[in-house]
Amino acid sequence: MKNNKVVEHASSISDEMRDEYQFDYSKAKPNRFASRIGRDQLMIVLDPDVAAVFKTPESVNQVLRAIITLASKMEKGIN
């Protein structure tokens, strides 16, 4: 059976954000998710309202490809 201890925060610890934080880069670890992104891929972050519409990377790519095709047809004057 595990001993579950409740850790109480000292009353001197504030819930406020500090003006500045010191980060010890010597203790930093490599990004464990970096290997999931290929060298020819680009990672972007969608705004929440856009992400609500596009649930998968494939759906985003499909719409972007359609826009690219439409834009190239408009440049060439093809309907």
PDB file of N, CA and C in Angstrom:
ATOM      1  N   MET A   1       0.842  -1.172   0.000  1.00  0.00           N
ATOM      2  CA  MET A   1       0.000   0.000   0.000  1.00  0.00           C
ATOM      3  C   MET A   1       0.888   1.237   0.000  1.00  0.00           C
ATOM      4  N   LYS A   2       0.564   2.179  -0.849  1.00  0.00           N
ATOM      5  CA  LYS A   2       1.352   3.392  -0.960  1.00  0.00           C
ATOM      6  C   LYS A   2       1.003   4.372   0.151  1.00  0.00           C
ATOM      7  N   ASN A   3       2.010   5.100   0.556  1.00  0.00           N
ATOM      8  CA  ASN A   3       1.773   6.188   1.496  1.00  0.00           C
ATOM      9  C   ASN A   3       1.489   7.440   0.689  1.00  0.00           C
ATOM     10  N   ASN A   4       0.297   7.937   0.777  1.00  0.00           N
ATOM     11  CA  ASN A   4      -0.071   9.159   0.072  1.00  0.00           C
ATOM     12  C   ASN A   4       0.076  10.336   1.017  1.00  0.00           C
ATOM     13  N   LYS A   5       1.022  11.200   0.712  1.00  0.00           N
ATOM     14  CA  LYS A   5       1.248  12.374   1.539  1.00  0.00           C
ATOM     15  C   LYS A   5       0.738  13.603   0.811  1.00  0.00           C
ATOM     16  N   VAL A   6       0.105  14.443   1.525  1.00  0.00           N
ATOM     17  CA  VAL A   6      -0.354  15.697   0.961  1.00  0.00           C
ATOM     18  C   VAL A   6       0.726  16.734   1.243  1.00  0.00           C
ATOM     19  N   VAL A   7       1.202  17.347   0.191  1.00  0.00           N
ATOM     20  CA  VAL A   7       2.223  18.370   0.338  1.00  0.00           C
ATOM     21  C   VAL A   7       1.538  19.717   0.363  1.00  0.00           C
ATOM     22  N   GLU A   8       1.743  20.432   1.451  1.00  0.00           N
ATOM     23  CA  GLU A   8       1.154  21.754   1.566  1.00  0.00           C
ATOM     24  C   GLU A   8       2.172  22.796   1.151  1.00  0.00           C
ATOM     25  N   HIS A   9       1.712  23.769   0.400  1.00  0.00           N
ATOM     26  CA  HIS A   9       2.581  24.844  -0.040  1.00  0.00           C
ATOM     27  C   HIS A   9       2.809  25.803   1.118  1.00  0.00           C
ATOM     28  N   ALA A  10       4.004  26.277   1.221  1.00  0.00           N
ATOM     29  CA  ALA A  10       4.308  27.268   2.249  1.00  0.00           C
ATOM     30  C   ALA A  10       3.525  28.538   1.970  1.00  0.00           C
ATOM     31  N   SER A  11       3.130  29.209   3.021  1.00  0.00           N
ATOM     32  CA  SER A  11       2.327  30.416   2.844  1.00  0.00           C
ATOM     33  C   SER A  11       3.097  31.524   2.144  1.00  0.00           C
ATOM     34  N   SER A  12       4.432  31.417   2.117  1.00  0.00           N
ATOM     35  CA  SER A  12       5.227  32.454   1.459  1.00  0.00           C
ATOM     36  C   SER A  12       5.273  32.287  -0.057  1.00  0.00           C
ATOM     37  N   ILE A  13       4.880  31.109  -0.575  1.00  0.00           N
ATOM     38  CA  ILE A  13       4.882  30.883  -2.013  1.00  0.00           C
ATOM     39  C   ILE A  13       3.659  31.551  -2.619  1.00  0.00           C
ATOM     40  N   SER A  14       3.909  32.364  -3.606  1.00  0.00           N
ATOM     41  CA  SER A  14       2.826  33.108  -4.243  1.00  0.00           C
ATOM     42  C   SER A  14       2.368  32.386  -5.503  1.00  0.00           C
ATOM     43  N   ASP A  15       1.098  32.503  -5.838  1.00  0.00           N
ATOM     44  CA  ASP A  15       0.556  31.928  -7.064  1.00  0.00           C
ATOM     45  C   ASP A  15       0.768  32.866  -8.251  1.00  0.00           C
ATOM     46  N   GLU A  16       1.403  33.996  -8.017  1.00  0.00           N
ATOM     47  CA  GLU A  16       1.637  34.975  -9.066  1.00  0.00           C
ATOM     48  C   GLU A  16       2.827  34.570  -9.927  1.00  0.00           C
ATOM     49  N   MET A  17       2.821  35.045 -11.170  1.00  0.00           N
ATOM     50  CA  MET A  17       3.952  34.833 -12.067  1.00  0.00           C
ATOM     51  C   MET A  17       5.086  35.764 -11.665  1.00  0.00           C
ATOM     52  N   ARG A  18       6.292  35.258 -11.756  1.00  0.00           N
ATOM     53  CA  ARG A  18       7.461  36.102 -11.508  1.00  0.00           C
ATOM     54  C   ARG A  18       7.733  36.965 -12.730  1.00  0.00           C
ATOM     55  N   ASP A  19       8.469  38.037 -12.534  1.00  0.00           N
ATOM     56  CA  ASP A  19       8.859  38.885 -13.657  1.00  0.00           C
ATOM     57  C   ASP A  19       9.859  38.183 -14.550  1.00  0.00           C
ATOM     58  N   GLU A  20      10.670  37.327 -13.966  1.00  0.00           N
ATOM     59  CA  GLU A  20      11.726  36.661 -14.722  1.00  0.00           C
ATOM     60  C   GLU A  20      12.000  35.298 -14.094  1.00  0.00           C
ATOM     61  N   TYR A  21      12.283  34.318 -14.949  1.00  0.00           N
ATOM     62  CA  TYR A  21      12.644  32.979 -14.494  1.00  0.00           C
ATOM     63  C   TYR A  21      14.026  32.632 -15.029  1.00  0.00           C
ATOM     64  N   GLN A  22      14.814  31.978 -14.224  1.00  0.00           N
ATOM     65  CA  GLN A  22      16.143  31.539 -14.639  1.00  0.00           C
ATOM     66  C   GLN A  22      16.040  30.084 -15.076  1.00  0.00           C
ATOM     67  N   PHE A  23      16.542  29.770 -16.262  1.00  0.00           N
ATOM     68  CA  PHE A  23      16.495  28.404 -16.774  1.00  0.00           C
ATOM     69  C   PHE A  23      17.914  27.877 -16.901  1.00  0.00           C
ATOM     70  N   ASP A  24      18.151  26.714 -16.332  1.00  0.00           N
ATOM     71  CA  ASP A  24      19.477  26.102 -16.382  1.00  0.00           C
ATOM     72  C   ASP A  24      19.555  25.236 -17.635  1.00  0.00           C
ATOM     73  N   TYR A  25      20.095  25.782 -18.717  1.00  0.00           N
ATOM     74  CA  TYR A  25      20.173  25.079 -19.989  1.00  0.00           C
ATOM     75  C   TYR A  25      21.084  23.859 -19.937  1.00  0.00           C
ATOM     76  N   SER A  26      21.961  23.793 -18.953  1.00  0.00           N
ATOM     77  CA  SER A  26      22.849  22.629 -18.844  1.00  0.00           C
ATOM     78  C   SER A  26      22.070  21.375 -18.454  1.00  0.00           C
ATOM     79  N   LYS A  27      20.862  21.537 -17.919  1.00  0.00           N
ATOM     80  CA  LYS A  27      20.026  20.399 -17.526  1.00  0.00           C
ATOM     81  C   LYS A  27      18.938  20.094 -18.563  1.00  0.00           C
ATOM     82  N   ALA A  28      18.940  20.841 -19.655  1.00  0.00           N
ATOM     83  CA  ALA A  28      17.919  20.661 -20.691  1.00  0.00           C
ATOM     84  C   ALA A  28      18.110  19.327 -21.400  1.00  0.00           C
ATOM     85  N   LYS A  29      16.996  18.723 -21.821  1.00  0.00           N
ATOM     86  CA  LYS A  29      17.019  17.450 -22.543  1.00  0.00           C
ATOM     87  C   LYS A  29      16.542  17.675 -23.975  1.00  0.00           C
ATOM     88  N   PRO A  30      16.969  16.829 -24.909  1.00  0.00           N
ATOM     89  CA  PRO A  30      16.506  16.964 -26.295  1.00  0.00           C
ATOM     90  C   PRO A  30      14.990  16.761 -26.391  1.00  0.00           C
ATOM     91  N   ASN A  31      14.396  17.359 -27.390  1.00  0.00           N
ATOM     92  CA  ASN A  31      12.961  17.211 -27.634  1.00  0.00           C
ATOM     93  C   ASN A  31      12.660  15.774 -28.032  1.00  0.00           C
ATOM     94  N   ARG A  32      11.919  15.066 -27.205  1.00  0.00           N
ATOM     95  CA  ARG A  32      11.645  13.645 -27.477  1.00  0.00           C
ATOM     96  C   ARG A  32      10.680  13.444 -28.642  1.00  0.00           C
ATOM     97  N   PHE A  33      10.022  14.491 -29.083  1.00  0.00           N
ATOM     98  CA  PHE A  33       9.076  14.383 -30.185  1.00  0.00           C
ATOM     99  C   PHE A  33       9.683  14.809 -31.524  1.00  0.00           C
ATOM    100  N   ALA A  34      10.901  15.307 -31.513  1.00  0.00           N
ATOM    101  CA  ALA A  34      11.529  15.826 -32.726  1.00  0.00           C
ATOM    102  C   ALA A  34      11.667  14.758 -33.800  1.00  0.00           C
ATOM    103  N   SER A  35      11.872  13.512 -33.423  1.00  0.00           N
ATOM    104  CA  SER A  35      12.054  12.456 -34.419  1.00  0.00           C
ATOM    105  C   SER A  35      10.770  12.171 -35.198  1.00  0.00           C
ATOM    106  N   ARG A  36       9.635  12.601 -34.694  1.00  0.00           N
ATOM    107  CA  ARG A  36       8.358  12.382 -35.392  1.00  0.00           C
ATOM    108  C   ARG A  36       8.195  13.317 -36.587  1.00  0.00           C
ATOM    109  N   ILE A  37       8.971  14.373 -36.619  1.00  0.00           N
ATOM    110  CA  ILE A  37       8.884  15.338 -37.705  1.00  0.00           C
ATOM    111  C   ILE A  37      10.035  15.077 -38.660  1.00  0.00           C
ATOM    112  N   GLY A  38       9.715  14.791 -39.910  1.00  0.00           N
ATOM    113  CA  GLY A  38      10.747  14.546 -40.909  1.00  0.00           C
ATOM    114  C   GLY A  38      11.459  15.826 -41.281  1.00  0.00           C
ATOM    115  N   ARG A  39      12.612  15.687 -41.901  1.00  0.00           N
ATOM    116  CA  ARG A  39      13.407  16.859 -42.275  1.00  0.00           C
ATOM    117  C   ARG A  39      12.701  17.722 -43.322  1.00  0.00           C
ATOM    118  N   ASP A  40      11.837  17.125 -44.131  1.00  0.00           N
ATOM    119  CA  ASP A  40      11.144  17.886 -45.172  1.00  0.00           C
ATOM    120  C   ASP A  40       9.770  18.368 -44.713  1.00  0.00           C
ATOM    121  N   GLN A  41       9.464  18.241 -43.435  1.00  0.00           N
ATOM    122  CA  GLN A  41       8.178  18.677 -42.917  1.00  0.00           C
ATOM    123  C   GLN A  41       8.332  19.950 -42.105  1.00  0.00           C
ATOM    124  N   LEU A  42       7.260  20.702 -42.031  1.00  0.00           N
ATOM    125  CA  LEU A  42       7.238  21.946 -41.289  1.00  0.00           C
ATOM    126  C   LEU A  42       6.159  21.851 -40.220  1.00  0.00           C
ATOM    127  N   MET A  43       6.490  22.216 -39.015  1.00  0.00           N
ATOM    128  CA  MET A  43       5.527  22.189 -37.920  1.00  0.00           C
ATOM    129  C   MET A  43       4.917  23.570 -37.781  1.00  0.00           C
ATOM    130  N   ILE A  44       3.589  23.648 -37.782  1.00  0.00           N
ATOM    131  CA  ILE A  44       2.904  24.917 -37.573  1.00  0.00           C
ATOM    132  C   ILE A  44       1.888  24.746 -36.460  1.00  0.00           C
ATOM    133  N   VAL A  45       1.470  25.841 -35.881  1.00  0.00           N
ATOM    134  CA  VAL A  45       0.464  25.819 -34.823  1.00  0.00           C
ATOM    135  C   VAL A  45      -0.768  26.547 -35.346  1.00  0.00           C
ATOM    136  N   LEU A  46      -1.905  25.874 -35.277  1.00  0.00           N
ATOM    137  CA  LEU A  46      -3.161  26.471 -35.724  1.00  0.00           C
ATOM    138  C   LEU A  46      -3.824  27.209 -34.566  1.00  0.00           C
ATOM    139  N   ASP A  47      -4.473  28.302 -34.877  1.00  0.00           N
ATOM    140  CA  ASP A  47      -5.269  28.992 -33.871  1.00  0.00           C
ATOM    141  C   ASP A  47      -6.424  28.076 -33.470  1.00  0.00           C
ATOM    142  N   PRO A  48      -6.915  28.198 -32.236  1.00  0.00           N
ATOM    143  CA  PRO A  48      -7.956  27.287 -31.745  1.00  0.00           C
ATOM    144  C   PRO A  48      -9.200  27.218 -32.633  1.00  0.00           C
ATOM    145  N   ASP A  49      -9.633  28.345 -33.202  1.00  0.00           N
ATOM    146  CA  ASP A  49     -10.836  28.320 -34.036  1.00  0.00           C
ATOM    147  C   ASP A  49     -10.599  27.548 -35.330  1.00  0.00           C
ATOM    148  N   VAL A  50      -9.389  27.624 -35.868  1.00  0.00           N
ATOM    149  CA  VAL A  50      -9.051  26.881 -37.082  1.00  0.00           C
ATOM    150  C   VAL A  50      -8.883  25.396 -36.750  1.00  0.00           C
ATOM    151  N   ALA A  51      -8.228  25.099 -35.637  1.00  0.00           N
ATOM    152  CA  ALA A  51      -8.023  23.715 -35.228  1.00  0.00           C
ATOM    153  C   ALA A  51      -9.350  23.002 -34.948  1.00  0.00           C
ATOM    154  N   ALA A  52     -10.363  23.762 -34.555  1.00  0.00           N
ATOM    155  CA  ALA A  52     -11.680  23.156 -34.304  1.00  0.00           C
ATOM    156  C   ALA A  52     -12.302  22.628 -35.588  1.00  0.00           C
ATOM    157  N   VAL A  53     -11.938  23.226 -36.728  1.00  0.00           N
ATOM    158  CA  VAL A  53     -12.486  22.808 -38.021  1.00  0.00           C
ATOM    159  C   VAL A  53     -11.672  21.674 -38.617  1.00  0.00           C
ATOM    160  N   PHE A  54     -10.350  21.776 -38.516  1.00  0.00           N
ATOM    161  CA  PHE A  54      -9.449  20.787 -39.110  1.00  0.00           C
ATOM    162  C   PHE A  54      -8.930  19.845 -38.035  1.00  0.00           C
ATOM    163  N   LYS A  55      -9.442  18.648 -38.031  1.00  0.00           N
ATOM    164  CA  LYS A  55      -9.096  17.688 -36.978  1.00  0.00           C
ATOM    165  C   LYS A  55      -7.835  16.884 -37.276  1.00  0.00           C
ATOM    166  N   THR A  56      -7.450  16.803 -38.554  1.00  0.00           N
ATOM    167  CA  THR A  56      -6.281  15.991 -38.917  1.00  0.00           C
ATOM    168  C   THR A  56      -5.352  16.781 -39.833  1.00  0.00           C
ATOM    169  N   PRO A  57      -4.080  16.422 -39.855  1.00  0.00           N
ATOM    170  CA  PRO A  57      -3.160  17.071 -40.794  1.00  0.00           C
ATOM    171  C   PRO A  57      -3.591  16.877 -42.243  1.00  0.00           C
ATOM    172  N   GLU A  58      -4.179  15.727 -42.541  1.00  0.00           N
ATOM    173  CA  GLU A  58      -4.613  15.435 -43.905  1.00  0.00           C
ATOM    174  C   GLU A  58      -5.702  16.399 -44.347  1.00  0.00           C
ATOM    175  N   SER A  59      -6.613  16.756 -43.445  1.00  0.00           N
ATOM    176  CA  SER A  59      -7.689  17.677 -43.809  1.00  0.00           C
ATOM    177  C   SER A  59      -7.143  19.070 -44.101  1.00  0.00           C
ATOM    178  N   VAL A  60      -6.153  19.501 -43.343  1.00  0.00           N
ATOM    179  CA  VAL A  60      -5.514  20.794 -43.599  1.00  0.00           C
ATOM    180  C   VAL A  60      -4.817  20.765 -44.951  1.00  0.00           C
ATOM    181  N   ASN A  61      -4.057  19.704 -45.213  1.00  0.00           N
ATOM    182  CA  ASN A  61      -3.339  19.584 -46.482  1.00  0.00           C
ATOM    183  C   ASN A  61      -4.287  19.558 -47.669  1.00  0.00           C
ATOM    184  N   GLN A  62      -5.405  18.864 -47.534  1.00  0.00           N
ATOM    185  CA  GLN A  62      -6.380  18.768 -48.626  1.00  0.00           C
ATOM    186  C   GLN A  62      -6.911  20.156 -48.992  1.00  0.00           C
ATOM    187  N   VAL A  63      -7.261  20.951 -48.007  1.00  0.00           N
ATOM    188  CA  VAL A  63      -7.787  22.287 -48.271  1.00  0.00           C
ATOM    189  C   VAL A  63      -6.696  23.192 -48.850  1.00  0.00           C
ATOM    190  N   LEU A  64      -5.497  23.117 -48.304  1.00  0.00           N
ATOM    191  CA  LEU A  64      -4.405  23.945 -48.830  1.00  0.00           C
ATOM    192  C   LEU A  64      -4.084  23.586 -50.277  1.00  0.00           C
ATOM    193  N   ARG A  65      -4.099  22.292 -50.608  1.00  0.00           N
ATOM    194  CA  ARG A  65      -3.844  21.887 -51.999  1.00  0.00           C
ATOM    195  C   ARG A  65      -4.935  22.406 -52.932  1.00  0.00           C
ATOM    196  N   ALA A  66      -6.180  22.397 -52.470  1.00  0.00           N
ATOM    197  CA  ALA A  66      -7.284  22.919 -53.282  1.00  0.00           C
ATOM    198  C   ALA A  66      -7.101  24.412 -53.521  1.00  0.00           C
ATOM    199  N   ILE A  67      -6.683  25.135 -52.499  1.00  0.00           N
ATOM    200  CA  ILE A  67      -6.448  26.572 -52.650  1.00  0.00           C
ATOM    201  C   ILE A  67      -5.296  26.827 -53.612  1.00  0.00           C
ATOM    202  N   ILE A  68      -4.235  26.042 -53.513  1.00  0.00           N
ATOM    203  CA  ILE A  68      -3.087  26.191 -54.419  1.00  0.00           C
ATOM    204  C   ILE A  68      -3.513  25.946 -55.867  1.00  0.00           C
ATOM    205  N   THR A  69      -4.298  24.903 -56.097  1.00  0.00           N
ATOM    206  CA  THR A  69      -4.781  24.588 -57.446  1.00  0.00           C
ATOM    207  C   THR A  69      -5.654  25.717 -57.980  1.00  0.00           C
ATOM    208  N   LEU A  70      -6.557  26.204 -57.160  1.00  0.00           N
ATOM    209  CA  LEU A  70      -7.440  27.303 -57.566  1.00  0.00           C
ATOM    210  C   LEU A  70      -6.635  28.565 -57.861  1.00  0.00           C
ATOM    211  N   ALA A  71      -5.670  28.874 -57.021  1.00  0.00           N
ATOM    212  CA  ALA A  71      -4.851  30.076 -57.226  1.00  0.00           C
ATOM    213  C   ALA A  71      -4.047  29.981 -58.516  1.00  0.00           C
ATOM    214  N   SER A  72      -3.505  28.800 -58.813  1.00  0.00           N
ATOM    215  CA  SER A  72      -2.718  28.668 -60.047  1.00  0.00           C
ATOM    216  C   SER A  72      -3.621  28.770 -61.279  1.00  0.00           C
ATOM    217  N   LYS A  73      -4.844  28.261 -61.203  1.00  0.00           N
ATOM    218  CA  LYS A  73      -5.790  28.392 -62.319  1.00  0.00           C
ATOM    219  C   LYS A  73      -6.186  29.850 -62.522  1.00  0.00           C
ATOM    220  N   MET A  74      -6.339  30.585 -61.423  1.00  0.00           N
ATOM    221  CA  MET A  74      -6.712  31.998 -61.530  1.00  0.00           C
ATOM    222  C   MET A  74      -5.580  32.810 -62.130  1.00  0.00           C
ATOM    223  N   GLU A  75      -4.335  32.458 -61.786  1.00  0.00           N
ATOM    224  CA  GLU A  75      -3.185  33.154 -62.371  1.00  0.00           C
ATOM    225  C   GLU A  75      -3.094  32.942 -63.877  1.00  0.00           C
ATOM    226  N   LYS A  76      -3.450  31.732 -64.303  1.00  0.00           N
ATOM    227  CA  LYS A  76      -3.382  31.402 -65.737  1.00  0.00           C
ATOM    228  C   LYS A  76      -4.623  31.847 -66.487  1.00  0.00           C
ATOM    229  N   GLY A  77      -5.647  32.281 -65.750  1.00  0.00           N
ATOM    230  CA  GLY A  77      -6.885  32.728 -66.388  1.00  0.00           C
ATOM    231  C   GLY A  77      -7.765  31.571 -66.820  1.00  0.00           C
ATOM    232  N   ILE A  78      -7.590  30.409 -66.212  1.00  0.00           N
ATOM    233  CA  ILE A  78      -8.397  29.229 -66.544  1.00  0.00           C
ATOM    234  C   ILE A  78      -9.540  29.138 -65.556  1.00  0.00           C
ATOM    235  N   ASN A  79     -10.757  28.910 -66.089  1.00  0.00           N
ATOM    236  CA  ASN A  79     -11.925  28.780 -65.220  1.00  0.00           C
ATOM    237  C   ASN A  79     -12.143  27.384 -64.846  1.00  0.00           C
TER     238      ASN A  79
END
